[in-house]
């Protein structure tokens, strides 16, 4: 069965010298042993995430498509029931086929 396959392609981040990294100055305090506060500051370099491009291509799925069979069977049964006398020959054929399959399975 046909299924669209989506493949992510990662484009690497540019070399460090070509684009400056974003610097964020942060100040934080730590409580010491005697409830004294030690204040330190540092800068955090943020590297941008890599770009991801998604490309679609042909693919396939290994499972069976049972939904189509179920919908067809239900629709066929409903329509044969609505047809009345005109649908009786096909209903009789399906009942005979069902009995035959049940006898084959019982063996």
C-alpha atoms as a PDB file:
ATOM      1  CA  UNK A   1       0.000   0.000   0.000  1.00  0.00           C
ATOM      2  CA  UNK A   2       1.315   3.457  -0.916  1.00  0.00           C
ATOM      3  CA  UNK A   3       2.242   5.824   1.877  1.00  0.00           C
ATOM      4  CA  UNK A   4       4.084   9.145   1.791  1.00  0.00           C
ATOM      5  CA  UNK A   5       7.386   8.968   3.650  1.00  0.00           C
ATOM      6  CA  UNK A   6       8.648  12.138   5.368  1.00  0.00           C
ATOM      7  CA  UNK A   7      12.418  12.315   5.909  1.00  0.00           C
ATOM      8  CA  UNK A   8      13.944  15.014   8.166  1.00  0.00           C
ATOM      9  CA  UNK A   9      17.190  16.527   6.854  1.00  0.00           C
ATOM     10  CA  UNK A  10      19.312  18.352   9.438  1.00  0.00           C
ATOM     11  CA  UNK A  11      21.303  21.333   8.206  1.00  0.00           C
ATOM     12  CA  UNK A  12      24.288  21.898  10.488  1.00  0.00           C
ATOM     13  CA  UNK A  13      24.757  25.147  12.382  1.00  0.00           C
ATOM     14  CA  UNK A  14      27.103  27.654  10.746  1.00  0.00           C
ATOM     15  CA  UNK A  15      30.724  27.787  11.847  1.00  0.00           C
ATOM     16  CA  UNK A  16      31.281  29.731  15.067  1.00  0.00           C
ATOM     17  CA  UNK A  17      33.205  32.628  13.465  1.00  0.00           C
ATOM     18  CA  UNK A  18      30.665  33.444  10.778  1.00  0.00           C
ATOM     19  CA  UNK A  19      27.723  34.274  13.037  1.00  0.00           C
ATOM     20  CA  UNK A  20      28.170  35.590  16.566  1.00  0.00           C
ATOM     21  CA  UNK A  21      26.517  33.595  19.327  1.00  0.00           C
ATOM     22  CA  UNK A  22      23.950  35.317  21.508  1.00  0.00           C
ATOM     23  CA  UNK A  23      25.372  36.261  24.902  1.00  0.00           C
ATOM     24  CA  UNK A  24      23.094  36.652  27.897  1.00  0.00           C
ATOM     25  CA  UNK A  25      24.612  38.078  31.091  1.00  0.00           C
ATOM     26  CA  UNK A  26      23.269  36.387  34.227  1.00  0.00           C
ATOM     27  CA  UNK A  27      23.794  37.207  37.893  1.00  0.00           C
ATOM     28  CA  UNK A  28      22.962  34.721  40.609  1.00  0.00           C
ATOM     29  CA  UNK A  29      23.479  34.511  44.340  1.00  0.00           C
ATOM     30  CA  UNK A  30      24.333  31.506  46.491  1.00  0.00           C
ATOM     31  CA  UNK A  31      23.703  31.310  50.220  1.00  0.00           C
ATOM     32  CA  UNK A  32      26.881  30.347  52.021  1.00  0.00           C
ATOM     33  CA  UNK A  33      27.453  28.556  55.327  1.00  0.00           C
ATOM     34  CA  UNK A  34      26.767  31.559  57.598  1.00  0.00           C
ATOM     35  CA  UNK A  35      23.757  32.904  55.646  1.00  0.00           C
ATOM     36  CA  UNK A  36      26.156  35.032  53.654  1.00  0.00           C
ATOM     37  CA  UNK A  37      25.267  35.628  50.030  1.00  0.00           C
ATOM     38  CA  UNK A  38      27.961  35.089  47.435  1.00  0.00           C
ATOM     39  CA  UNK A  39      27.108  36.856  44.179  1.00  0.00           C
ATOM     40  CA  UNK A  40      28.612  35.586  40.960  1.00  0.00           C
ATOM     41  CA  UNK A  41      27.996  36.672  37.423  1.00  0.00           C
ATOM     42  CA  UNK A  42      28.629  34.822  34.213  1.00  0.00           C
ATOM     43  CA  UNK A  43      27.623  34.957  30.564  1.00  0.00           C
ATOM     44  CA  UNK A  44      25.767  32.219  28.788  1.00  0.00           C
ATOM     45  CA  UNK A  45      26.414  31.567  25.092  1.00  0.00           C
ATOM     46  CA  UNK A  46      23.304  30.313  23.348  1.00  0.00           C
ATOM     47  CA  UNK A  47      23.851  28.249  20.222  1.00  0.00           C
ATOM     48  CA  UNK A  48      20.923  28.351  17.811  1.00  0.00           C
ATOM     49  CA  UNK A  49      19.280  25.007  17.020  1.00  0.00           C
ATOM     50  CA  UNK A  50      20.055  23.395  13.671  1.00  0.00           C
ATOM     51  CA  UNK A  51      17.623  23.909  10.814  1.00  0.00           C
ATOM     52  CA  UNK A  52      15.531  20.883   9.908  1.00  0.00           C
ATOM     53  CA  UNK A  53      13.992  20.524   6.453  1.00  0.00           C
ATOM     54  CA  UNK A  54      11.393  17.821   5.808  1.00  0.00           C
ATOM     55  CA  UNK A  55      11.324  16.168   2.384  1.00  0.00           C
ATOM     56  CA  UNK A  56       8.561  13.842   1.282  1.00  0.00           C
ATOM     57  CA  UNK A  57       9.085  10.834  -0.909  1.00  0.00           C
ATOM     58  CA  UNK A  58       7.420   7.609  -1.930  1.00  0.00           C
ATOM     59  CA  UNK A  59       7.088   4.862   0.628  1.00  0.00           C
ATOM     60  CA  UNK A  60       4.956   1.878   1.484  1.00  0.00           C
ATOM     61  CA  UNK A  61       3.243   0.385   4.481  1.00  0.00           C
ATOM     62  CA  UNK A  62       3.440  -3.292   5.379  1.00  0.00           C
ATOM     63  CA  UNK A  63      -0.022  -3.639   6.942  1.00  0.00           C
ATOM     64  CA  UNK A  64      -3.246  -4.777   5.288  1.00  0.00           C
ATOM     65  CA  UNK A  65      -5.989  -2.307   4.427  1.00  0.00           C
ATOM     66  CA  UNK A  66      -8.933  -3.978   6.176  1.00  0.00           C
ATOM     67  CA  UNK A  67     -11.005  -0.814   6.522  1.00  0.00           C
ATOM     68  CA  UNK A  68     -11.964  -0.826   2.836  1.00  0.00           C
ATOM     69  CA  UNK A  69     -13.176  -4.432   3.034  1.00  0.00           C
ATOM     70  CA  UNK A  70     -15.221  -3.738   6.178  1.00  0.00           C
ATOM     71  CA  UNK A  71     -16.907  -0.640   4.729  1.00  0.00           C
ATOM     72  CA  UNK A  72     -17.658  -2.420   1.439  1.00  0.00           C
ATOM     73  CA  UNK A  73     -19.167  -5.414   3.262  1.00  0.00           C
ATOM     74  CA  UNK A  74     -21.325  -3.256   5.540  1.00  0.00           C
ATOM     75  CA  UNK A  75     -22.571  -1.126   2.633  1.00  0.00           C
ATOM     76  CA  UNK A  76     -23.321  -4.219   0.539  1.00  0.00           C
ATOM     77  CA  UNK A  77     -25.276  -5.817   3.406  1.00  0.00           C
ATOM     78  CA  UNK A  78     -27.327  -2.674   4.026  1.00  0.00           C
ATOM     79  CA  UNK A  79     -28.158  -2.258   0.337  1.00  0.00           C
ATOM     80  CA  UNK A  80     -29.100  -5.944  -0.085  1.00  0.00           C
ATOM     81  CA  UNK A  81     -31.406  -5.623   2.927  1.00  0.00           C
ATOM     82  CA  UNK A  82     -33.102  -2.569   1.411  1.00  0.00           C
ATOM     83  CA  UNK A  83     -33.566  -4.235  -2.000  1.00  0.00           C
ATOM     84  CA  UNK A  84     -36.050  -6.788  -0.642  1.00  0.00           C
ATOM     85  CA  UNK A  85     -37.083  -9.444  -3.203  1.00  0.00           C
ATOM     86  CA  UNK A  86     -34.655  -8.172  -5.844  1.00  0.00           C
ATOM     87  CA  UNK A  87     -31.686  -8.767  -3.525  1.00  0.00           C
ATOM     88  CA  UNK A  88     -32.756 -12.236  -2.338  1.00  0.00           C
ATOM     89  CA  UNK A  89     -30.731 -14.245  -4.925  1.00  0.00           C
ATOM     90  CA  UNK A  90     -27.472 -12.599  -3.828  1.00  0.00           C
ATOM     91  CA  UNK A  91     -28.424 -12.925  -0.142  1.00  0.00           C
ATOM     92  CA  UNK A  92     -29.087 -16.653  -0.690  1.00  0.00           C
ATOM     93  CA  UNK A  93     -25.728 -17.010  -2.450  1.00  0.00           C
ATOM     94  CA  UNK A  94     -23.919 -15.286   0.461  1.00  0.00           C
ATOM     95  CA  UNK A  95     -25.677 -17.542   2.980  1.00  0.00           C
ATOM     96  CA  UNK A  96     -24.679 -20.661   1.005  1.00  0.00           C
ATOM     97  CA  UNK A  97     -21.106 -19.381   0.746  1.00  0.00           C
ATOM     98  CA  UNK A  98     -21.064 -18.756   4.512  1.00  0.00           C
ATOM     99  CA  UNK A  99     -22.281 -22.304   5.253  1.00  0.00           C
ATOM    100  CA  UNK A 100     -19.657 -23.733   2.903  1.00  0.00           C
ATOM    101  CA  UNK A 101     -16.837 -21.790   4.576  1.00  0.00           C
ATOM    102  CA  UNK A 102     -18.059 -22.855   8.040  1.00  0.00           C
ATOM    103  CA  UNK A 103     -17.960 -26.532   6.983  1.00  0.00           C
ATOM    104  CA  UNK A 104     -14.438 -26.083   5.576  1.00  0.00           C
ATOM    105  CA  UNK A 105     -13.266 -24.458   8.817  1.00  0.00           C
ATOM    106  CA  UNK A 106     -14.915 -27.169  10.941  1.00  0.00           C
ATOM    107  CA  UNK A 107     -12.875 -29.908   9.204  1.00  0.00           C
END
